[in-house]
Amino acid sequence: MFDKQDKKVLVVDDQYGIRILLYEVLGKEGYKTFQAANGKMALEIVEKESPDLVILDMKIPGMDGIEILKHIKKINQEIKVIMMTAYGELDMIKEATQLGALTHFTKPFDIDELRMAVHQQLAC
């Protein structure tokens, strides 16, 4: 069994409601949780906190999810990434997977499924 308090999760989404929901749910699970509304904030947190897992929205104004994913992997190849998308954009999902994203969830997602995916990724 792993200690959730040792695990850091960053939620990156420009939608406040989704960010807060995931922040609170994962925080209650015991993870040390961070949130960012855009790519610049996300990359600052990645550099400073080195999260174990990033939950990353694909559609973010400015720097999109693919661009953020590339930067995250440049900073630290070991950081695990789960993508979220409101769209069935297979090309972006395929590219994200090739760049190292582990899986993706389509919005609206089942919070319990996402919670389990986070747990599975951080347990190994």
Protein backbone atom coordinates (compact mmCIF):
# COMPACT_ATOMS: atom_id res chain seq x y z
CA MET A 1 0.00 0.00 0.00
CA PHE A 2 1.30 3.46 -0.82
CA ASP A 3 0.94 6.64 1.23
CA LYS A 4 -1.38 9.00 -0.63
CA GLN A 5 -0.03 11.98 1.32
CA ASP A 6 3.32 11.45 -0.41
CA LYS A 7 1.67 11.70 -3.83
CA LYS A 8 1.16 15.03 -5.60
CA VAL A 9 -1.55 15.58 -8.20
CA LEU A 10 -1.89 18.66 -10.42
CA VAL A 11 -5.27 19.45 -12.04
CA VAL A 12 -5.01 21.66 -15.13
CA ASP A 13 -8.29 22.96 -16.58
CA ASP A 14 -9.54 26.41 -17.55
CA GLN A 15 -13.03 25.46 -16.29
CA TYR A 16 -13.20 26.52 -12.64
CA GLY A 17 -15.94 24.02 -11.71
CA ILE A 18 -14.05 20.98 -12.95
CA ARG A 19 -10.79 22.18 -11.38
CA ILE A 20 -12.42 22.67 -7.97
CA LEU A 21 -14.33 19.38 -8.15
CA LEU A 22 -11.18 17.37 -8.86
CA TYR A 23 -9.12 19.41 -6.40
CA GLU A 24 -11.61 18.69 -3.60
CA VAL A 25 -12.28 15.03 -4.45
CA LEU A 26 -8.58 14.16 -4.76
CA GLY A 27 -7.71 16.25 -1.71
CA LYS A 28 -10.28 14.31 0.34
CA GLU A 29 -8.70 11.09 -0.95
CA GLY A 30 -5.51 12.24 0.77
CA TYR A 31 -3.43 13.40 -2.20
CA LYS A 32 -1.48 16.65 -2.04
CA THR A 33 -3.37 18.50 -4.77
CA PHE A 34 -2.54 21.56 -6.87
CA GLN A 35 -4.55 23.35 -9.53
CA ALA A 36 -3.78 25.53 -12.53
CA ALA A 37 -6.08 27.39 -14.93
CA ASN A 38 -3.58 27.69 -17.78
CA GLY A 39 -0.34 26.32 -19.21
CA LYS A 40 1.94 28.93 -17.67
CA MET A 41 0.65 28.24 -14.14
CA ALA A 42 0.76 24.49 -14.76
CA LEU A 43 4.41 24.51 -15.85
CA GLU A 44 5.41 26.70 -12.89
CA ILE A 45 3.83 24.15 -10.52
CA VAL A 46 5.44 21.23 -12.40
CA GLU A 47 8.88 22.84 -12.01
CA LYS A 48 8.38 23.81 -8.36
CA GLU A 49 6.42 20.83 -6.99
CA SER A 50 7.24 17.98 -9.41
CA PRO A 51 3.81 16.30 -9.19
CA ASP A 52 3.52 12.53 -9.58
CA LEU A 53 0.46 12.87 -11.80
CA VAL A 54 -1.10 15.62 -13.91
CA ILE A 55 -4.75 15.58 -14.96
CA LEU A 56 -4.70 17.78 -18.03
CA ASP A 57 -7.50 19.23 -20.13
CA MET A 58 -6.82 19.20 -23.87
CA LYS A 59 -8.64 22.43 -24.66
CA ILE A 60 -7.10 25.31 -22.74
CA PRO A 61 -6.90 28.85 -24.18
CA GLY A 62 -3.38 29.96 -25.01
CA MET A 63 -1.23 26.87 -24.62
CA ASP A 64 -3.33 23.76 -25.39
CA GLY A 65 -3.07 20.42 -23.63
CA ILE A 66 -0.74 18.89 -26.23
CA GLU A 67 1.69 21.79 -25.88
CA ILE A 68 1.55 21.61 -22.07
CA LEU A 69 2.09 17.83 -22.22
CA LYS A 70 5.23 18.31 -24.36
CA HIS A 71 6.63 20.82 -21.84
CA ILE A 72 5.80 18.59 -18.86
CA LYS A 73 7.63 15.65 -20.44
CA LYS A 74 10.63 17.90 -21.21
CA ILE A 75 10.78 18.97 -17.57
CA ASN A 76 10.35 15.45 -16.16
CA GLN A 77 9.71 12.34 -18.24
CA GLU A 78 8.55 10.43 -15.14
CA ILE A 79 5.45 12.56 -14.48
CA LYS A 80 2.31 10.60 -15.31
CA VAL A 81 -0.39 12.39 -17.32
CA ILE A 82 -4.10 11.69 -17.75
CA MET A 83 -5.82 13.78 -20.43
CA MET A 84 -9.39 15.12 -20.33
CA THR A 85 -11.35 16.26 -23.33
CA ALA A 86 -14.86 17.51 -24.00
CA TYR A 87 -14.48 16.46 -27.60
CA GLY A 88 -14.08 13.14 -29.35
CA GLU A 89 -10.91 14.39 -30.99
CA LEU A 90 -9.19 11.16 -31.90
CA ASP A 91 -6.21 12.87 -33.54
CA MET A 92 -5.40 14.86 -30.39
CA ILE A 93 -5.95 11.80 -28.18
CA LYS A 94 -3.66 9.73 -30.41
CA GLU A 95 -0.97 12.45 -30.38
CA ALA A 96 -1.25 12.80 -26.58
CA THR A 97 -0.81 9.04 -26.18
CA GLN A 98 2.25 9.08 -28.43
CA LEU A 99 3.68 11.90 -26.30
CA GLY A 100 3.28 9.82 -23.15
CA ALA A 101 -0.25 10.41 -21.82
CA LEU A 102 -1.43 7.25 -20.07
CA THR A 103 -5.16 7.49 -20.76
CA HIS A 104 -7.93 9.99 -21.38
CA PHE A 105 -11.41 10.77 -20.10
CA THR A 106 -14.17 12.42 -22.09
CA LYS A 107 -16.18 15.11 -20.32
CA PRO A 108 -18.57 14.74 -18.68
CA PHE A 109 -16.62 11.97 -16.95
CA ASP A 110 -17.57 9.65 -14.11
CA ILE A 111 -15.75 11.04 -11.06
CA ASP A 112 -15.39 7.57 -9.54
CA GLU A 113 -13.77 6.20 -12.71
CA LEU A 114 -11.33 9.11 -12.76
CA ARG A 115 -10.61 8.65 -9.05
CA MET A 116 -9.87 4.96 -9.61
CA ALA A 117 -7.61 5.74 -12.58
CA VAL A 118 -5.64 8.21 -10.43
CA HIS A 119 -5.34 5.61 -7.68
CA GLN A 120 -4.19 2.91 -10.12
CA GLN A 121 -1.55 5.16 -11.71
CA LEU A 122 -0.15 6.33 -8.40
CA ALA A 123 -0.16 2.88 -6.78
CA CYS A 124 2.41 1.55 -9.25
